Amino acid sequence: MRKRDVTASLAIAMLIVTGCSGGAATSTPAQATPTAAQPTASTTPSVTATATPATSPSVPSSTSPSSPTATASESPVPTVSPVLTASPVPTASPVPTASPAATVSAECTKPALSTLAAGKLTIGADNPAFPPYFDPDPADPAWEIGNPNNGKGLEGATAYAIAKALGYEQADVSWVPVKFDNAIQPGKKSFDLYLTQVSYNPKRAEAVDLTDGYFDVNQSVVALGANPIAKVTKVADLATYRLGTQVGTTSYTYITDVIKPTPEPRAYDTLDAALAGLRAKQIDGVVVDLPTAFFMRDVQLSEDGGVIVGSLPTVAETEHFSVLLTKDSPLTSCVNQALAAIKADGTLQAIVDEWITGQGAPVLE
């Protein structure tokens, strides 16, 4: 009886032990729940380091930049950096290279220059000022036909380009009308610079300073638009037409020595007579220098349908337009530096293209 009781007691004890261990798992769920959820909320570095890379390599770089995982995940940044290396922006910066306007010396910039009015540049031009050298739009009552103040036209634009290269803004430039015949005389001037188709010649240079050229003056052909010669694009094709000009001029020599037309060219006492011959159909075209060609087309032949067939290639020494200054002016060398700069960076050629070639004076081949 006692032995049976002991056996029963042992069995009950084992049940109690088994029941207690099972009861701990079921009776304490509040402890088990945090234990299961803890890995998600835990800030333990070991958990973050192993779990994060498996899900997203970019997250460590923003959430734990100090962890080894973050350092490894940031390594793609150098891989992205080739965008900077591949960026052709530095390569595409030939703009600075192409702007030698800065090559004028310090002595040739606005603060160092001595001009008629301190800090200003006074530029003279003939009045009336004719296109395409000065453009009439917008009109200015102080100027006949062309208006130098608008910065348009071959000489209007060139003047402002020179001023800019010397450090002057457009507002620093003022214009004064001066007759051509007065400008080329020796003596004091009412301007710092003068631009009005002043051709260089040694005799003239004894009375005034003349700079390097800003425009080469070629010969050209003027005709009536209804004449077939108006469609010519090559010098060789001019040889089948009768040409004329004033006797004893370089234009006449160009006809006889370069074009060599089959029909005998006609020589007239004056250019007005040559124009009369053109209107009367005695000749097909008049050969004159390009400045004269523009005047003929835009003024003298404006009601006759006059056209510039084209400018002719230079075959001998080139005549050019110069900026005129007072004799021995301290500004002359600086203007030459400015001209060199705007030639080098393409500014001057762009002006010629716009206001000469683009104004109906194509170059004949």
Protein backbone atom coordinates (compact mmCIF):
# COMPACT_ATOMS: atom_id res chain seq x y z
CA MET A 1 0.00 0.00 0.00
CA ARG A 2 2.79 2.44 0.89
CA LYS A 3 4.86 1.28 -2.08
CA ARG A 4 1.94 1.95 -4.41
CA ASP A 5 1.57 5.37 -2.90
CA VAL A 6 5.23 6.16 -3.61
CA THR A 7 4.84 5.05 -7.18
CA ALA A 8 1.77 7.18 -7.56
CA SER A 9 3.53 10.11 -6.00
CA LEU A 10 6.40 9.79 -8.46
CA ALA A 11 3.97 9.66 -11.35
CA ILE A 12 2.18 12.75 -10.11
CA ALA A 13 5.50 14.54 -9.67
CA MET A 14 6.50 13.78 -13.25
CA LEU A 15 3.15 15.03 -14.51
CA ILE A 16 3.61 18.22 -12.54
CA VAL A 17 7.09 18.76 -13.99
CA THR A 18 5.85 18.09 -17.51
CA GLY A 19 2.81 20.27 -16.99
CA CYS A 20 4.92 23.13 -15.66
CA SER A 21 7.25 23.18 -18.66
CA GLY A 22 4.34 23.08 -21.08
CA GLY A 23 2.50 25.70 -19.11
CA ALA A 24 5.46 28.10 -19.37
CA ALA A 25 5.10 28.09 -23.16
CA THR A 26 1.39 28.68 -23.08
CA SER A 27 0.89 30.67 -19.98
CA THR A 28 3.51 33.37 -20.73
CA PRO A 29 2.74 34.51 -24.30
CA ALA A 30 3.47 38.15 -23.42
CA GLN A 31 7.12 37.20 -22.97
CA ALA A 32 7.23 35.09 -26.11
CA THR A 33 5.69 37.85 -28.27
CA PRO A 34 8.32 40.54 -27.55
CA THR A 35 11.03 37.91 -28.01
CA ALA A 36 9.71 37.13 -31.53
CA ALA A 37 9.13 40.80 -32.43
CA GLN A 38 12.42 42.01 -30.95
CA PRO A 39 14.60 41.30 -33.99
CA THR A 40 12.45 43.75 -36.04
CA ALA A 41 12.53 46.61 -33.57
CA SER A 42 15.96 45.89 -32.19
CA THR A 43 18.76 48.37 -32.88
CA THR A 44 21.39 45.71 -32.34
CA PRO A 45 24.08 46.35 -35.03
CA SER A 46 24.53 42.65 -35.74
CA VAL A 47 20.88 42.28 -36.75
CA THR A 48 20.87 45.41 -38.94
CA ALA A 49 24.16 44.52 -40.60
CA THR A 50 22.98 41.09 -41.67
CA ALA A 51 19.35 41.87 -42.49
CA THR A 52 19.73 45.16 -44.39
CA PRO A 53 22.14 44.16 -47.20
CA ALA A 54 19.88 41.26 -48.04
CA THR A 55 16.99 43.62 -48.78
CA SER A 56 18.45 46.81 -50.26
CA PRO A 57 22.09 47.94 -50.69
CA SER A 58 21.06 51.59 -50.81
CA VAL A 59 19.38 51.68 -47.43
CA PRO A 60 22.55 51.34 -45.30
CA SER A 61 24.04 54.42 -46.90
CA SER A 62 21.18 56.55 -45.55
CA THR A 63 20.34 54.69 -42.34
CA SER A 64 23.69 53.59 -40.95
CA PRO A 65 26.53 55.36 -42.75
CA SER A 66 29.00 54.43 -40.02
CA SER A 67 28.46 50.68 -40.31
CA PRO A 68 30.75 48.52 -42.49
CA THR A 69 27.68 47.56 -44.51
CA ALA A 70 27.02 51.22 -45.31
CA THR A 71 30.61 51.73 -46.44
CA ALA A 72 30.33 48.80 -48.77
CA SER A 73 27.02 50.02 -50.13
CA GLU A 74 28.45 53.50 -50.84
CA SER A 75 31.19 52.08 -53.04
CA PRO A 76 28.96 52.40 -56.17
CA VAL A 77 29.27 56.22 -55.85
CA PRO A 78 32.74 56.21 -57.49
CA THR A 79 31.15 54.08 -60.19
CA VAL A 80 28.59 56.84 -60.76
CA SER A 81 31.29 59.53 -60.70
CA PRO A 82 32.30 58.79 -64.34
CA VAL A 83 29.39 61.13 -65.12
CA LEU A 84 31.75 63.93 -64.10
CA THR A 85 34.60 62.45 -66.12
CA ALA A 86 32.39 61.89 -69.13
CA SER A 87 30.91 65.34 -68.88
CA PRO A 88 32.16 67.16 -72.00
CA VAL A 89 31.46 70.58 -70.54
CA PRO A 90 35.16 71.34 -69.97
CA THR A 91 35.93 70.03 -73.47
CA ALA A 92 33.18 72.20 -74.91
CA SER A 93 34.73 75.30 -73.42
CA PRO A 94 36.51 76.46 -76.56
CA VAL A 95 34.42 79.59 -75.96
CA PRO A 96 37.14 81.08 -73.73
CA THR A 97 39.76 79.93 -76.24
CA ALA A 98 37.86 81.65 -79.02
CA SER A 99 37.64 84.99 -77.29
CA PRO A 100 41.03 86.65 -77.54
CA ALA A 101 39.27 89.97 -77.01
CA ALA A 102 41.03 89.74 -73.65
CA THR A 103 44.39 89.86 -75.45
CA VAL A 104 44.40 93.65 -75.56
CA SER A 105 47.01 94.85 -73.09
CA ALA A 106 46.10 96.47 -69.79
CA GLU A 107 47.26 99.80 -71.20
CA CYS A 108 44.57 99.45 -73.87
CA THR A 109 41.57 99.09 -71.58
CA LYS A 110 39.09 101.75 -70.56
CA PRO A 111 40.66 102.74 -67.19
CA ALA A 112 44.04 103.40 -68.83
CA LEU A 113 42.94 105.13 -72.04
CA SER A 114 42.99 108.89 -72.47
CA THR A 115 39.99 109.94 -74.57
CA LEU A 116 38.27 113.24 -75.32
CA ALA A 117 35.75 112.58 -72.55
CA ALA A 118 36.94 110.55 -69.56
CA GLY A 119 35.44 107.07 -69.53
CA LYS A 120 33.74 107.65 -72.89
CA LEU A 121 34.62 106.88 -76.50
CA THR A 122 33.62 109.47 -79.10
CA ILE A 123 33.27 108.10 -82.63
CA GLY A 124 32.78 110.17 -85.76
CA ALA A 125 30.94 109.27 -88.97
CA ASP A 126 29.86 111.08 -92.10
CA ASN A 127 26.28 112.32 -92.32
CA PRO A 128 24.38 111.01 -94.21
CA ALA A 129 25.57 107.57 -93.15
CA PHE A 130 24.66 105.06 -95.84
CA PRO A 131 23.65 101.40 -95.60
CA PRO A 132 25.01 98.78 -95.42
CA TYR A 133 27.65 100.56 -93.35
CA PHE A 134 25.09 102.14 -91.03
CA ASP A 135 21.52 100.93 -90.70
CA PRO A 136 18.53 103.32 -90.60
CA ASP A 137 16.42 101.32 -88.14
CA PRO A 138 15.45 102.86 -85.80
CA ALA A 139 15.67 106.32 -87.30
CA ASP A 140 17.35 109.20 -85.47
CA PRO A 141 16.46 112.78 -86.47
CA ALA A 142 20.08 113.82 -85.91
CA TRP A 143 21.27 111.43 -88.61
CA GLU A 144 20.26 111.23 -92.27
CA ILE A 145 19.47 107.74 -93.58
CA GLY A 146 21.72 105.51 -91.40
CA ASN A 147 21.80 105.74 -87.60
CA PRO A 148 25.20 104.90 -86.05
CA ASN A 149 23.76 104.69 -82.52
CA ASN A 150 21.92 101.42 -83.15
CA GLY A 151 25.14 99.43 -83.63
CA LYS A 152 23.93 97.99 -86.93
CA GLY A 153 25.59 97.93 -90.31
CA LEU A 154 29.16 97.02 -91.18
CA GLU A 155 30.74 100.10 -89.61
CA GLY A 156 28.20 100.66 -86.85
CA ALA A 157 28.68 97.08 -85.59
CA THR A 158 32.47 97.18 -86.09
CA ALA A 159 32.75 100.40 -84.08
CA TYR A 160 30.92 98.88 -81.12
CA ALA A 161 32.96 95.67 -81.38
CA ILE A 162 36.17 97.71 -81.16
CA ALA A 163 34.77 99.66 -78.22
CA LYS A 164 33.83 96.45 -76.41
CA ALA A 165 37.30 94.98 -76.93
CA LEU A 166 38.72 98.12 -75.30
CA GLY A 167 36.36 97.76 -72.33
CA TYR A 168 33.63 100.24 -73.26
CA GLU A 169 29.94 99.42 -72.97
CA GLN A 170 27.52 100.62 -75.64
CA ALA A 171 26.33 103.35 -73.27
CA ASP A 172 29.93 104.65 -73.08
CA VAL A 173 29.98 105.37 -76.83
CA SER A 174 28.80 108.64 -78.35
CA TRP A 175 28.67 109.56 -82.04
CA VAL A 176 29.36 112.89 -83.74
CA PRO A 177 28.67 113.74 -87.41
CA VAL A 178 31.81 114.83 -89.27
CA LYS A 179 32.09 115.33 -93.03
CA PHE A 180 34.51 112.93 -94.68
CA ASP A 181 36.56 115.71 -96.30
CA ASN A 182 37.04 117.35 -92.90
CA ALA A 183 37.91 114.12 -91.12
CA ILE A 184 40.83 113.30 -93.40
CA GLN A 185 42.48 116.71 -92.92
CA PRO A 186 45.38 117.14 -90.45
CA GLY A 187 44.78 118.79 -87.11
CA LYS A 188 42.73 118.28 -83.93
CA LYS A 189 39.57 116.20 -84.16
CA SER A 190 36.20 116.24 -82.44
CA PHE A 191 36.32 112.44 -82.17
CA ASP A 192 38.54 109.67 -80.85
CA LEU A 193 37.89 107.34 -83.81
CA TYR A 194 36.28 107.79 -87.21
CA LEU A 195 34.66 105.14 -89.43
CA THR A 196 33.22 106.03 -92.83
CA GLN A 197 34.78 103.90 -95.58
CA VAL A 198 38.19 105.49 -95.20
CA SER A 199 40.42 103.69 -97.69
CA TYR A 200 44.06 103.39 -96.71
CA ASN A 201 46.64 105.10 -98.86
CA PRO A 202 50.15 106.27 -97.91
CA LYS A 203 49.49 109.89 -98.86
CA ARG A 204 46.43 110.08 -96.60
CA ALA A 205 48.39 108.44 -93.78
CA GLU A 206 50.74 111.44 -93.73
CA ALA A 207 47.92 113.65 -92.38
CA VAL A 208 46.08 111.23 -90.07
CA ASP A 209 46.58 107.86 -88.39
CA LEU A 210 45.05 104.93 -90.28
CA THR A 211 44.75 101.58 -88.55
CA ASP A 212 44.99 98.07 -89.91
CA GLY A 213 42.10 97.17 -92.16
CA TYR A 214 38.69 96.05 -90.94
CA PHE A 215 37.23 95.41 -94.40
CA ASP A 216 38.85 94.50 -97.71
CA VAL A 217 37.37 96.43 -100.62
CA ASN A 218 36.81 94.17 -103.61
CA GLN A 219 35.57 94.97 -107.07
CA SER A 220 31.99 93.97 -107.85
CA VAL A 221 29.43 93.85 -110.64
CA VAL A 222 26.15 95.82 -110.65
CA ALA A 223 23.35 94.98 -113.08
CA LEU A 224 19.61 95.18 -113.56
CA GLY A 225 17.75 92.30 -111.99
CA ALA A 226 15.92 91.47 -115.23
CA ASN A 227 19.18 90.88 -117.10
CA PRO A 228 20.43 87.24 -117.29
CA ILE A 229 23.81 88.37 -115.88
CA ALA A 230 22.09 88.79 -112.52
CA LYS A 231 22.06 85.00 -112.09
CA VAL A 232 25.81 84.54 -112.64
CA THR A 233 27.67 82.87 -109.76
CA LYS A 234 31.16 82.41 -111.26
CA VAL A 235 33.69 84.92 -112.52
CA ALA A 236 34.33 82.86 -115.65
CA ASP A 237 30.67 83.14 -116.65
CA LEU A 238 30.93 86.95 -116.79
CA ALA A 239 33.11 86.66 -119.90
CA THR A 240 30.10 86.28 -122.20
CA TYR A 241 28.58 89.63 -121.17
CA ARG A 242 29.43 93.18 -122.17
CA LEU A 243 30.79 95.10 -119.18
CA GLY A 244 31.62 98.76 -118.65
CA THR A 245 32.91 101.26 -116.11
CA GLN A 246 34.73 104.57 -115.80
CA VAL A 247 37.83 104.92 -117.92
CA GLY A 248 41.27 104.80 -116.28
CA THR A 249 40.12 103.07 -113.08
CA THR A 250 41.19 99.88 -111.34
CA SER A 251 37.70 98.57 -112.16
CA TYR A 252 38.38 98.91 -115.90
CA THR A 253 41.75 97.16 -115.47
CA TYR A 254 39.98 94.32 -113.65
CA ILE A 255 37.65 93.88 -116.62
CA THR A 256 40.42 93.76 -119.21
CA ASP A 257 43.05 91.82 -117.22
CA VAL A 258 41.01 89.42 -115.09
CA ILE A 259 37.52 88.90 -116.52
CA LYS A 260 38.66 89.29 -120.15
CA PRO A 261 35.17 89.35 -121.66
CA THR A 262 34.59 88.30 -125.25
CA PRO A 263 32.50 91.42 -126.08
CA GLU A 264 34.62 94.56 -126.07
CA PRO A 265 34.18 96.39 -122.71
CA ARG A 266 32.98 99.97 -122.76
CA ALA A 267 34.79 102.83 -121.03
CA TYR A 268 32.76 105.85 -119.88
CA ASP A 269 33.91 109.27 -118.77
CA THR A 270 32.00 108.98 -115.48
CA LEU A 271 30.19 106.35 -113.48
CA ASP A 272 26.94 108.24 -114.01
CA ALA A 273 27.47 107.78 -117.74
CA ALA A 274 28.12 104.07 -117.15
CA LEU A 275 24.81 103.82 -115.27
CA ALA A 276 23.05 105.56 -118.15
CA GLY A 277 24.61 102.98 -120.48
CA LEU A 278 23.32 100.20 -118.21
CA ARG A 279 19.79 101.57 -118.30
CA ALA A 280 20.01 101.96 -122.10
CA LYS A 281 21.19 98.33 -122.37
CA GLN A 282 24.47 99.33 -123.98
CA ILE A 283 26.15 97.14 -121.36
CA ASP A 284 25.02 94.23 -119.18
CA GLY A 285 26.88 95.18 -116.04
CA VAL A 286 28.99 97.89 -114.41
CA VAL A 287 32.18 96.94 -112.56
CA VAL A 288 32.85 99.15 -109.50
CA ASP A 289 34.26 98.79 -106.00
CA LEU A 290 31.85 97.23 -103.53
CA PRO A 291 31.02 100.39 -101.55
CA THR A 292 30.04 102.12 -104.79
CA ALA A 293 28.01 99.06 -105.79
CA PHE A 294 25.87 99.34 -102.68
CA PHE A 295 25.25 103.03 -103.34
CA MET A 296 24.30 102.34 -106.95
CA ARG A 297 21.92 99.55 -106.02
CA ASP A 298 20.26 101.21 -103.02
CA VAL A 299 20.15 104.81 -104.25
CA GLN A 300 20.84 105.31 -107.93
CA LEU A 301 19.17 102.14 -109.25
CA SER A 302 16.55 101.68 -106.53
CA GLU A 303 13.72 102.28 -109.01
CA ASP A 304 15.34 100.31 -111.82
CA GLY A 305 15.62 96.96 -110.04
CA GLY A 306 19.35 97.23 -109.55
CA VAL A 307 21.21 94.25 -108.05
CA ILE A 308 24.74 93.40 -107.00
CA VAL A 309 25.64 90.33 -109.04
CA GLY A 310 28.50 89.65 -106.65
CA SER A 311 31.86 90.76 -105.31
CA LEU A 312 34.94 89.71 -107.25
CA PRO A 313 38.02 87.91 -105.89
CA THR A 314 41.07 89.99 -105.10
CA VAL A 315 43.91 89.41 -107.53
CA ALA A 316 46.38 92.14 -106.61
CA GLU A 317 47.08 94.32 -103.59
CA THR A 318 43.91 94.64 -101.53
CA GLU A 319 42.44 98.02 -100.75
CA HIS A 320 41.00 98.16 -97.25
CA PHE A 321 39.04 100.43 -94.93
CA SER A 322 40.88 101.77 -91.89
CA VAL A 323 39.78 103.44 -88.67
CA LEU A 324 40.94 107.07 -88.78
CA LEU A 325 42.46 108.85 -85.76
CA THR A 326 44.35 112.10 -85.12
CA LYS A 327 47.93 111.88 -86.32
CA ASP A 328 50.14 110.16 -83.72
CA SER A 329 47.17 109.40 -81.50
CA PRO A 330 48.04 107.25 -78.45
CA LEU A 331 44.89 105.26 -79.18
CA THR A 332 46.02 103.98 -82.59
CA SER A 333 48.02 100.98 -81.36
CA CYS A 334 45.18 100.06 -79.00
CA VAL A 335 42.62 100.14 -81.80
CA ASN A 336 44.93 97.85 -83.79
CA GLN A 337 45.00 95.46 -80.82
CA ALA A 338 41.21 95.55 -80.63
CA LEU A 339 40.93 94.86 -84.37
CA ALA A 340 43.31 91.90 -84.04
CA ALA A 341 41.17 90.53 -81.21
CA ILE A 342 37.83 90.76 -83.04
CA LYS A 343 39.40 89.22 -86.13
CA ALA A 344 40.82 86.33 -84.11
CA ASP A 345 37.58 85.46 -82.31
CA GLY A 346 35.44 85.64 -85.47
CA THR A 347 33.46 88.71 -84.43
CA LEU A 348 34.55 90.80 -87.41
CA GLN A 349 33.90 88.03 -89.92
CA ALA A 350 30.41 87.54 -88.50
CA ILE A 351 29.76 91.26 -88.97
CA VAL A 352 30.95 91.11 -92.60
CA ASP A 353 28.81 88.02 -93.23
CA GLU A 354 25.73 89.72 -91.82
CA TRP A 355 26.08 93.20 -93.30
CA ILE A 356 27.88 92.60 -96.61
CA THR A 357 27.45 89.03 -97.84
CA GLY A 358 24.03 88.81 -96.20
CA GLN A 359 22.90 92.08 -97.75
CA GLY A 360 22.93 90.77 -101.31
CA ALA A 361 26.61 90.86 -102.21
CA PRO A 362 27.59 87.20 -102.69
CA VAL A 363 31.18 86.31 -103.46
CA LEU A 364 31.64 85.13 -107.04
CA GLU A 365 33.80 82.03 -107.37
